[in-house]
């Protein structure tokens, strides 16, 4: 048994009522299976889950999603909404507010120790014969269009049982046709256990319906201090390429839940694609024209060509705009999904510790063009704390030293003396 990385265990609170029925449409290896009764009752552990774990006594080092039976009373659930009209950003270009009376639910952001898998947890996915003779169609035949996702958690055991066609490490390949590309889904992560296990039950079957050959990577920052999403993207890109020579990389925020499967998770050889222009938190409206955060894709060649993401944005703000301009600076076409299909529900959450607003972000953004070639894939310094293949994803721990990272960039390029005036630039072609 591997040594557990975490010593404590806290429950991830479900944002749900005492009973919840969801409908999950899944494309299996050769047919569509309709799971129409995903029922979350007071006794949160379903009967088949008990069957999976009866052979061994409870192990304190197993996955730590401890949903207390008999405790799912409305009064014990931490459920609320974000304040209506809450301001989310400041500064010119990224300053906007939104009415939040939508389908969002509040999920408490808590640490979740899932460093060990119970011995009785089923290994996902026996590799079946692949019919590689015919390419997958441009328009997958089993799409359902707009759907309402069940914004409720599933446990790792439930996920493994629901998706047996996934190979260990979170890899899936359609059996009935040959996809045009291999795709790595990179999810930067820290202390978002509940979000992850709400996203995966929706994302996985959608990708299956889209006939995507994909592998999911959860890239967790294990370093203490402020979160750095750019380093997680760069490390995830480099580490995943040690596993397979992926053609396409989807950079996916953990709190964005897709709600339209016509939003095909494919790369474009013309340039990066912004998949998420319409988000529930902002009333499904484009917040500013240069928006590039949330869910984006790059081909393997494009991400290397732009030198990946910046490593010097510690905390929230401007890192996505920097990534957008890296593509624009190299004359790549910026592409965006239309507002009809690029639609997501956001899982709301309390402010994250270690993800505070970066007070110097606009000064750092001002040096982006001069800094691009000396800040990114070619300068990132990190250690992998662990790489573990779990049933529905590969889990990568990334450790780094902030001072070492900052020392890789000339000091005068870390931030300008003045804030940049406008970060909302960028011309997009709608696809």
Protein backbone atom coordinates (compact mmCIF):
# COMPACT_ATOMS: atom_id res chain seq x y z
CA UNK A 1 0.00 0.00 0.00
CA UNK A 2 1.24 3.48 -0.77
CA UNK A 3 1.57 5.88 2.08
CA UNK A 4 -1.34 8.28 2.34
CA UNK A 5 -0.53 11.87 1.53
CA UNK A 6 -3.19 13.27 3.78
CA UNK A 7 -3.82 12.64 7.43
CA UNK A 8 -7.30 14.06 7.77
CA UNK A 9 -10.66 13.41 6.24
CA UNK A 10 -13.56 15.79 5.83
CA UNK A 11 -16.89 15.11 4.23
CA UNK A 12 -17.66 16.69 0.90
CA UNK A 13 -21.13 18.14 1.34
CA UNK A 14 -23.66 17.25 -1.29
CA UNK A 15 -25.69 20.08 -2.68
CA UNK A 16 -28.92 18.20 -3.01
CA UNK A 17 -32.21 17.59 -1.33
CA UNK A 18 -32.86 14.51 0.75
CA UNK A 19 -33.68 12.60 -2.38
CA UNK A 20 -32.58 13.36 -5.89
CA UNK A 21 -33.31 11.58 -9.14
CA UNK A 22 -31.04 12.22 -12.10
CA UNK A 23 -31.10 10.97 -15.65
CA UNK A 24 -27.76 10.06 -17.17
CA UNK A 25 -27.51 9.12 -20.81
CA UNK A 26 -24.37 7.09 -21.49
CA UNK A 27 -22.99 5.74 -24.72
CA UNK A 28 -21.46 2.34 -24.09
CA UNK A 29 -19.15 0.34 -26.30
CA UNK A 30 -21.73 -0.42 -28.94
CA UNK A 31 -25.09 0.82 -27.68
CA UNK A 32 -26.72 3.56 -25.66
CA UNK A 33 -27.54 2.66 -22.10
CA UNK A 34 -30.06 4.80 -20.29
CA UNK A 35 -29.47 4.95 -16.56
CA UNK A 36 -32.79 6.55 -15.59
CA UNK A 37 -32.78 6.03 -11.86
CA UNK A 38 -29.69 7.54 -10.30
CA UNK A 39 -31.30 8.00 -6.93
CA UNK A 40 -29.54 9.74 -4.07
CA UNK A 41 -31.47 8.89 -0.90
CA UNK A 42 -30.79 9.52 2.77
CA UNK A 43 -28.57 6.45 2.85
CA UNK A 44 -26.04 7.96 0.46
CA UNK A 45 -24.11 4.77 -0.17
CA UNK A 46 -26.00 2.80 -2.75
CA UNK A 47 -26.47 -0.95 -2.31
CA UNK A 48 -24.11 -1.91 -5.10
CA UNK A 49 -21.42 0.24 -3.50
CA UNK A 50 -21.75 -1.85 -0.34
CA UNK A 51 -21.30 -4.97 -2.44
CA UNK A 52 -18.07 -3.54 -3.85
CA UNK A 53 -16.54 -3.02 -0.44
CA UNK A 54 -17.81 -5.90 1.68
CA UNK A 55 -14.65 -7.99 1.42
CA UNK A 56 -12.35 -5.66 3.34
CA UNK A 57 -12.82 -3.69 6.58
CA UNK A 58 -12.84 0.11 6.34
CA UNK A 59 -9.38 1.42 5.58
CA UNK A 60 -8.50 4.92 6.85
CA UNK A 61 -6.14 5.40 3.91
CA UNK A 62 -8.79 4.82 1.26
CA UNK A 63 -10.48 7.52 -0.75
CA UNK A 64 -11.85 10.09 1.64
CA UNK A 65 -15.35 10.92 0.53
CA UNK A 66 -17.19 10.19 3.72
CA UNK A 67 -20.85 10.89 3.20
CA UNK A 68 -22.33 10.25 6.61
CA UNK A 69 -25.39 8.02 6.46
CA UNK A 70 -28.30 9.53 8.40
CA UNK A 71 -26.79 13.02 8.16
CA UNK A 72 -28.27 14.32 4.93
CA UNK A 73 -30.81 16.52 6.63
CA UNK A 74 -31.56 19.84 4.95
CA UNK A 75 -30.34 21.69 8.03
CA UNK A 76 -26.90 20.04 7.89
CA UNK A 77 -26.20 20.80 4.25
CA UNK A 78 -24.18 23.93 3.51
CA UNK A 79 -26.35 25.15 0.66
CA UNK A 80 -26.81 28.73 -0.46
CA UNK A 81 -26.44 31.03 -3.45
CA UNK A 82 -23.93 33.65 -4.31
CA UNK A 83 -25.19 37.17 -3.66
CA UNK A 84 -27.16 38.55 -6.58
CA UNK A 85 -25.12 41.03 -8.58
CA UNK A 86 -21.86 40.09 -6.87
CA UNK A 87 -18.87 41.76 -8.49
CA UNK A 88 -16.40 39.15 -9.67
CA UNK A 89 -13.56 41.19 -11.05
CA UNK A 90 -12.10 44.64 -10.94
CA UNK A 91 -9.87 46.60 -13.23
CA UNK A 92 -10.50 47.83 -16.73
CA UNK A 93 -11.57 45.21 -19.22
CA UNK A 94 -12.35 42.46 -16.72
CA UNK A 95 -14.83 44.28 -14.51
CA UNK A 96 -18.37 43.00 -14.61
CA UNK A 97 -21.25 41.93 -12.41
CA UNK A 98 -24.00 39.44 -12.93
CA UNK A 99 -27.35 38.51 -11.49
CA UNK A 100 -26.89 35.08 -10.04
CA UNK A 101 -30.52 33.92 -9.93
CA UNK A 102 -29.87 30.81 -12.00
CA UNK A 103 -29.38 27.09 -11.61
CA UNK A 104 -26.20 27.33 -9.57
CA UNK A 105 -25.89 25.52 -6.30
CA UNK A 106 -23.37 26.14 -3.60
CA UNK A 107 -20.81 23.46 -2.82
CA UNK A 108 -18.48 23.95 0.12
CA UNK A 109 -14.87 23.90 -0.98
CA UNK A 110 -13.14 21.37 1.22
CA UNK A 111 -9.98 19.29 1.05
CA UNK A 112 -10.54 15.71 -0.05
CA UNK A 113 -8.01 12.98 0.60
CA UNK A 114 -8.33 10.36 -2.11
CA UNK A 115 -4.75 9.17 -2.06
CA UNK A 116 -5.62 5.49 -1.85
CA UNK A 117 -8.05 3.26 -3.65
CA UNK A 118 -9.79 0.48 -1.74
CA UNK A 119 -8.56 -2.95 -2.87
CA UNK A 120 -12.13 -3.90 -3.68
CA UNK A 121 -12.68 -0.93 -6.01
CA UNK A 122 -13.21 -2.34 -9.52
CA UNK A 123 -10.55 -1.61 -12.10
CA UNK A 124 -12.32 0.30 -14.84
CA UNK A 125 -12.24 -0.85 -18.39
CA UNK A 126 -11.20 -4.11 -19.92
CA UNK A 127 -9.86 -3.15 -23.30
CA UNK A 128 -12.10 -4.53 -26.00
CA UNK A 129 -11.46 -5.04 -29.67
CA UNK A 130 -11.33 -1.79 -31.55
CA UNK A 131 -12.94 -1.40 -34.93
CA UNK A 132 -10.38 0.95 -36.49
CA UNK A 133 -11.40 0.40 -40.10
CA UNK A 134 -13.72 3.40 -40.41
CA UNK A 135 -13.23 6.96 -39.15
CA UNK A 136 -15.73 8.45 -36.73
CA UNK A 137 -18.35 10.68 -38.42
CA UNK A 138 -18.02 14.45 -38.20
CA UNK A 139 -21.39 14.59 -36.46
CA UNK A 140 -21.71 11.83 -33.85
CA UNK A 141 -25.06 10.00 -34.20
CA UNK A 142 -25.92 9.78 -30.49
CA UNK A 143 -25.88 13.42 -29.44
CA UNK A 144 -28.83 14.66 -27.39
CA UNK A 145 -28.24 18.43 -27.64
CA UNK A 146 -29.05 20.56 -24.59
CA UNK A 147 -29.45 18.60 -21.37
CA UNK A 148 -29.91 19.30 -17.68
CA UNK A 149 -27.02 17.79 -15.72
CA UNK A 150 -27.64 16.29 -12.28
CA UNK A 151 -25.59 18.66 -10.13
CA UNK A 152 -24.91 15.96 -7.57
CA UNK A 153 -21.80 14.07 -6.60
CA UNK A 154 -21.00 10.50 -7.43
CA UNK A 155 -18.44 8.55 -5.44
CA UNK A 156 -15.35 7.07 -7.12
CA UNK A 157 -16.85 3.60 -6.65
CA UNK A 158 -20.03 4.63 -8.45
CA UNK A 159 -18.06 6.23 -11.29
CA UNK A 160 -15.97 3.10 -11.78
CA UNK A 161 -19.09 0.94 -11.84
CA UNK A 162 -20.94 3.20 -14.28
CA UNK A 163 -18.08 3.42 -16.78
CA UNK A 164 -16.47 -0.04 -17.03
CA UNK A 165 -15.28 0.65 -20.58
CA UNK A 166 -12.77 3.19 -19.29
CA UNK A 167 -9.27 1.79 -18.96
CA UNK A 168 -7.23 2.34 -15.83
CA UNK A 169 -5.94 5.91 -15.75
CA UNK A 170 -9.09 7.37 -17.28
CA UNK A 171 -8.63 6.39 -20.92
CA UNK A 172 -11.53 5.70 -23.27
CA UNK A 173 -11.51 4.85 -26.96
CA UNK A 174 -14.62 4.27 -29.07
CA UNK A 175 -14.95 0.71 -30.34
CA UNK A 176 -17.16 1.38 -33.34
CA UNK A 177 -15.06 3.94 -35.18
CA UNK A 178 -11.62 5.52 -35.34
CA UNK A 179 -11.36 9.08 -33.88
CA UNK A 180 -9.21 11.57 -35.75
CA UNK A 181 -7.21 12.59 -32.66
CA UNK A 182 -6.15 11.52 -29.20
CA UNK A 183 -7.22 13.99 -26.53
CA UNK A 184 -5.90 14.76 -23.06
CA UNK A 185 -8.32 16.50 -20.69
CA UNK A 186 -6.26 18.55 -18.19
CA UNK A 187 -8.12 19.62 -15.03
CA UNK A 188 -6.11 21.91 -12.71
CA UNK A 189 -7.09 21.07 -9.17
CA UNK A 190 -6.77 21.84 -5.49
CA UNK A 191 -9.37 21.39 -2.71
CA UNK A 192 -12.27 20.97 -5.15
CA UNK A 193 -13.29 17.40 -4.35
CA UNK A 194 -17.01 18.01 -4.60
CA UNK A 195 -16.65 19.91 -7.88
CA UNK A 196 -14.59 17.13 -9.45
CA UNK A 197 -17.14 14.45 -8.60
CA UNK A 198 -19.97 16.58 -9.97
CA UNK A 199 -18.10 17.29 -13.23
CA UNK A 200 -16.92 13.77 -14.06
CA UNK A 201 -20.38 12.07 -14.14
CA UNK A 202 -21.44 14.66 -16.74
CA UNK A 203 -18.22 15.07 -18.72
CA UNK A 204 -17.40 11.38 -19.21
CA UNK A 205 -20.66 10.25 -20.88
CA UNK A 206 -20.71 13.41 -22.98
CA UNK A 207 -17.23 12.66 -24.35
CA UNK A 208 -18.33 9.08 -25.05
CA UNK A 209 -21.34 10.31 -27.02
CA UNK A 210 -18.99 12.56 -28.98
CA UNK A 211 -16.77 9.59 -29.96
CA UNK A 212 -13.69 11.18 -28.37
CA UNK A 213 -10.55 9.13 -27.72
CA UNK A 214 -9.70 10.76 -24.39
CA UNK A 215 -7.73 10.44 -21.17
CA UNK A 216 -8.56 12.55 -18.11
CA UNK A 217 -5.73 14.04 -16.03
CA UNK A 218 -6.44 15.70 -12.69
CA UNK A 219 -3.40 17.90 -12.05
CA UNK A 220 -3.25 18.80 -8.38
CA UNK A 221 -1.01 21.47 -6.90
CA UNK A 222 0.59 19.92 -3.83
CA UNK A 223 2.85 22.92 -3.22
CA UNK A 224 1.79 25.13 -0.33
CA UNK A 225 0.92 28.74 -0.91
CA UNK A 226 -0.95 30.48 -3.69
CA UNK A 227 -2.46 28.44 -6.49
CA UNK A 228 -0.83 28.74 -9.93
CA UNK A 229 -3.01 27.45 -12.75
CA UNK A 230 -0.43 28.07 -15.47
CA UNK A 231 2.08 25.73 -13.85
CA UNK A 232 -0.62 23.06 -13.57
CA UNK A 233 -1.33 23.37 -17.30
CA UNK A 234 2.35 23.19 -18.23
CA UNK A 235 3.07 20.27 -15.92
CA UNK A 236 -0.05 18.43 -17.08
CA UNK A 237 0.95 18.89 -20.72
CA UNK A 238 4.50 17.64 -20.17
CA UNK A 239 3.56 14.73 -17.92
CA UNK A 240 0.71 13.51 -20.12
CA UNK A 241 3.04 13.42 -23.13
CA UNK A 242 5.11 10.87 -21.22
CA UNK A 243 2.05 8.59 -21.40
CA UNK A 244 0.93 9.11 -25.00
CA UNK A 245 1.56 11.43 -27.91
CA UNK A 246 -1.75 13.31 -27.63
CA UNK A 247 -2.89 15.44 -30.54
CA UNK A 248 -5.32 17.66 -28.62
CA UNK A 249 -5.32 19.19 -25.15
CA UNK A 250 -8.48 20.45 -23.44
CA UNK A 251 -7.74 22.78 -20.49
CA UNK A 252 -10.82 22.44 -18.30
CA UNK A 253 -11.77 24.32 -15.11
CA UNK A 254 -13.17 21.90 -12.54
CA UNK A 255 -16.27 24.01 -11.72
CA UNK A 256 -17.66 24.29 -15.27
CA UNK A 257 -20.27 21.67 -16.16
CA UNK A 258 -21.09 21.35 -19.90
CA UNK A 259 -24.80 21.24 -20.72
CA UNK A 260 -24.84 20.79 -24.50
CA UNK A 261 -23.09 17.84 -26.17
CA UNK A 262 -23.11 19.53 -29.58
CA UNK A 263 -20.15 21.45 -28.15
CA UNK A 264 -17.70 18.92 -29.58
CA UNK A 265 -14.45 18.60 -27.62
CA UNK A 266 -12.11 18.73 -30.61
CA UNK A 267 -9.08 20.78 -31.49
CA UNK A 268 -8.76 23.00 -34.54
CA UNK A 269 -5.61 23.23 -36.63
CA UNK A 270 -6.21 26.95 -37.23
CA UNK A 271 -5.81 27.92 -33.59
CA UNK A 272 -7.00 27.50 -30.01
CA UNK A 273 -10.73 27.12 -29.31
CA UNK A 274 -12.63 28.80 -26.49
CA UNK A 275 -15.47 26.42 -25.58
CA UNK A 276 -17.23 28.28 -22.74
CA UNK A 277 -18.53 31.73 -23.73
CA UNK A 278 -21.92 31.27 -22.02
CA UNK A 279 -21.83 30.46 -18.29
CA UNK A 280 -24.73 30.36 -15.85
CA UNK A 281 -23.01 32.64 -13.33
CA UNK A 282 -23.13 35.44 -15.89
CA UNK A 283 -26.62 34.68 -17.17
CA UNK A 284 -25.18 32.82 -20.17
CA UNK A 285 -23.90 36.09 -21.65
CA UNK A 286 -20.46 36.98 -22.94
CA UNK A 287 -18.86 38.92 -20.13
CA UNK A 288 -16.24 40.65 -22.25
CA UNK A 289 -15.10 40.10 -25.80
CA UNK A 290 -11.63 38.89 -24.92
CA UNK A 291 -12.85 36.16 -22.56
CA UNK A 292 -10.66 33.06 -22.86
CA UNK A 293 -10.96 31.25 -19.54
CA UNK A 294 -12.96 28.20 -18.49
CA UNK A 295 -12.54 25.55 -21.16
CA UNK A 296 -10.09 25.94 -24.06
CA UNK A 297 -8.26 23.63 -26.45
CA UNK A 298 -4.84 23.63 -28.10
CA UNK A 299 -3.26 21.18 -30.46
CA UNK A 300 -0.02 19.67 -29.19
CA UNK A 301 1.95 21.73 -31.71
CA UNK A 302 0.18 25.02 -30.90
CA UNK A 303 0.68 24.75 -27.15
CA UNK A 304 4.39 24.12 -27.68
CA UNK A 305 4.58 26.91 -30.28
CA UNK A 306 3.24 29.53 -27.85
CA UNK A 307 5.54 28.21 -25.08
CA UNK A 308 2.59 26.98 -23.05
CA UNK A 309 1.10 29.05 -20.25
CA UNK A 310 2.83 31.67 -18.12
CA UNK A 311 4.30 30.42 -14.83
CA UNK A 312 4.31 33.75 -12.99
CA UNK A 313 0.62 34.38 -12.21
CA UNK A 314 0.21 33.40 -8.57
CA UNK A 315 -3.43 33.79 -7.55
CA UNK A 316 -6.54 34.73 -9.46
CA UNK A 317 -6.70 37.00 -12.49
CA UNK A 318 -5.30 37.70 -15.99
CA UNK A 319 -3.64 34.29 -16.49
CA UNK A 320 -6.30 33.30 -19.05
CA UNK A 321 -5.94 36.60 -20.90
CA UNK A 322 -2.18 36.10 -21.00
CA UNK A 323 -2.73 32.66 -22.53
CA UNK A 324 -5.05 34.14 -25.16
CA UNK A 325 -2.51 36.77 -26.15
CA UNK A 326 0.27 34.18 -26.39
CA UNK A 327 -1.71 32.61 -29.22
CA UNK A 328 -2.48 36.00 -30.80
CA UNK A 329 1.18 37.06 -30.57
CA UNK A 330 2.14 34.01 -32.63
CA UNK A 331 -0.53 34.82 -35.24
CA UNK A 332 -2.79 31.89 -34.41
CA UNK A 333 -6.48 32.33 -35.16
CA UNK A 334 -8.59 32.66 -32.00
CA UNK A 335 -11.73 30.55 -32.29
CA UNK A 336 -14.84 30.53 -30.11
CA UNK A 337 -17.86 28.26 -29.92
CA UNK A 338 -21.18 29.94 -30.61
CA UNK A 339 -23.43 30.93 -27.72
CA UNK A 340 -25.96 28.27 -28.67
CA UNK A 341 -23.72 25.30 -27.84
CA UNK A 342 -20.87 26.75 -25.74
CA UNK A 343 -23.02 26.67 -22.62
CA UNK A 344 -22.01 25.68 -19.08
CA UNK A 345 -23.40 25.65 -15.59
CA UNK A 346 -20.96 26.75 -12.92
CA UNK A 347 -20.81 25.10 -9.52
CA UNK A 348 -20.66 28.07 -7.16
CA UNK A 349 -18.33 27.99 -4.22
CA UNK A 350 -16.99 30.02 -1.34
CA UNK A 351 -13.74 31.97 -1.86
CA UNK A 352 -10.80 29.60 -2.11
CA UNK A 353 -7.94 29.83 0.34
CA UNK A 354 -4.76 30.27 -1.66
CA UNK A 355 -6.64 31.54 -4.73
CA UNK A 356 -6.86 35.20 -3.76
CA UNK A 357 -7.00 37.96 -6.31
CA UNK A 358 -3.51 38.78 -7.54
CA UNK A 359 -2.97 42.50 -6.83
CA UNK A 360 -0.14 42.71 -9.40
CA UNK A 361 -1.88 40.82 -12.18
CA UNK A 362 -2.33 43.82 -14.49
CA UNK A 363 1.30 44.87 -14.05
CA UNK A 364 2.39 41.33 -14.87
CA UNK A 365 0.05 41.26 -17.84
CA UNK A 366 1.66 44.43 -19.20
CA UNK A 367 4.92 42.55 -19.88
CA UNK A 368 3.30 39.53 -21.55
CA UNK A 369 4.71 39.96 -25.06
CA UNK A 370 8.31 40.53 -23.99
CA UNK A 371 8.08 37.70 -21.46
CA UNK A 372 6.47 35.01 -23.60
CA UNK A 373 9.60 33.30 -24.92
CA UNK A 374 11.32 33.18 -21.50
CA UNK A 375 8.33 32.18 -19.37
CA UNK A 376 6.44 28.98 -20.00
CA UNK A 377 7.07 25.39 -21.01
CA UNK A 378 10.76 26.03 -21.53
CA UNK A 379 11.33 27.41 -18.03
CA UNK A 380 8.83 25.65 -15.74
CA UNK A 381 10.51 23.86 -12.81
CA UNK A 382 8.46 21.39 -10.80
CA UNK A 383 8.53 17.95 -9.21
CA UNK A 384 5.85 15.30 -9.49
CA UNK A 385 4.73 14.34 -5.99
CA UNK A 386 2.96 11.30 -7.43
CA UNK A 387 1.43 9.93 -10.61
CA UNK A 388 -1.40 7.45 -9.97
CA UNK A 389 -3.67 5.73 -12.41
CA UNK A 390 -7.14 5.59 -10.90
CA UNK A 391 -10.21 4.01 -12.52
CA UNK A 392 -11.54 7.12 -14.30
CA UNK A 393 -8.57 9.51 -14.35
CA UNK A 394 -4.84 9.83 -13.87
CA UNK A 395 -3.98 11.84 -10.78
CA UNK A 396 -0.77 13.91 -10.92
CA UNK A 397 0.60 15.82 -7.94
CA UNK A 398 2.74 18.85 -8.79
CA UNK A 399 5.12 20.53 -6.37
CA UNK A 400 7.19 23.66 -7.01
CA UNK A 401 9.00 26.46 -5.25
CA UNK A 402 7.66 29.95 -5.94
CA UNK A 403 11.01 31.72 -5.60
CA UNK A 404 12.63 29.26 -7.99
CA UNK A 405 9.87 29.85 -10.53
CA UNK A 406 10.16 33.64 -10.34
CA UNK A 407 13.95 33.46 -10.66
CA UNK A 408 13.60 31.92 -14.13
CA UNK A 409 12.26 35.19 -15.55
CA UNK A 410 14.26 38.45 -15.77
CA UNK A 411 13.16 40.65 -12.90
CA UNK A 412 12.13 43.59 -15.07
CA UNK A 413 9.68 41.32 -16.92
CA UNK A 414 7.87 40.06 -13.83
CA UNK A 415 5.79 43.21 -13.65
CA UNK A 416 5.65 46.66 -15.17
CA UNK A 417 5.57 49.88 -13.17
CA UNK A 418 2.00 50.59 -14.24
CA UNK A 419 -1.10 48.52 -14.83
CA UNK A 420 -2.07 47.73 -18.39
CA UNK A 421 -5.11 49.77 -19.38
CA UNK A 422 -7.19 47.10 -21.06
CA UNK A 423 -6.93 43.31 -21.01
CA UNK A 424 -10.13 42.56 -22.92
CA UNK A 425 -8.62 42.59 -26.40
CA UNK A 426 -8.74 39.71 -28.85
CA UNK A 427 -10.59 39.03 -32.08
CA UNK A 428 -12.37 35.70 -32.28
CA UNK A 429 -13.81 33.71 -35.16
CA UNK A 430 -17.05 31.94 -34.19
CA UNK A 431 -17.13 28.23 -35.01
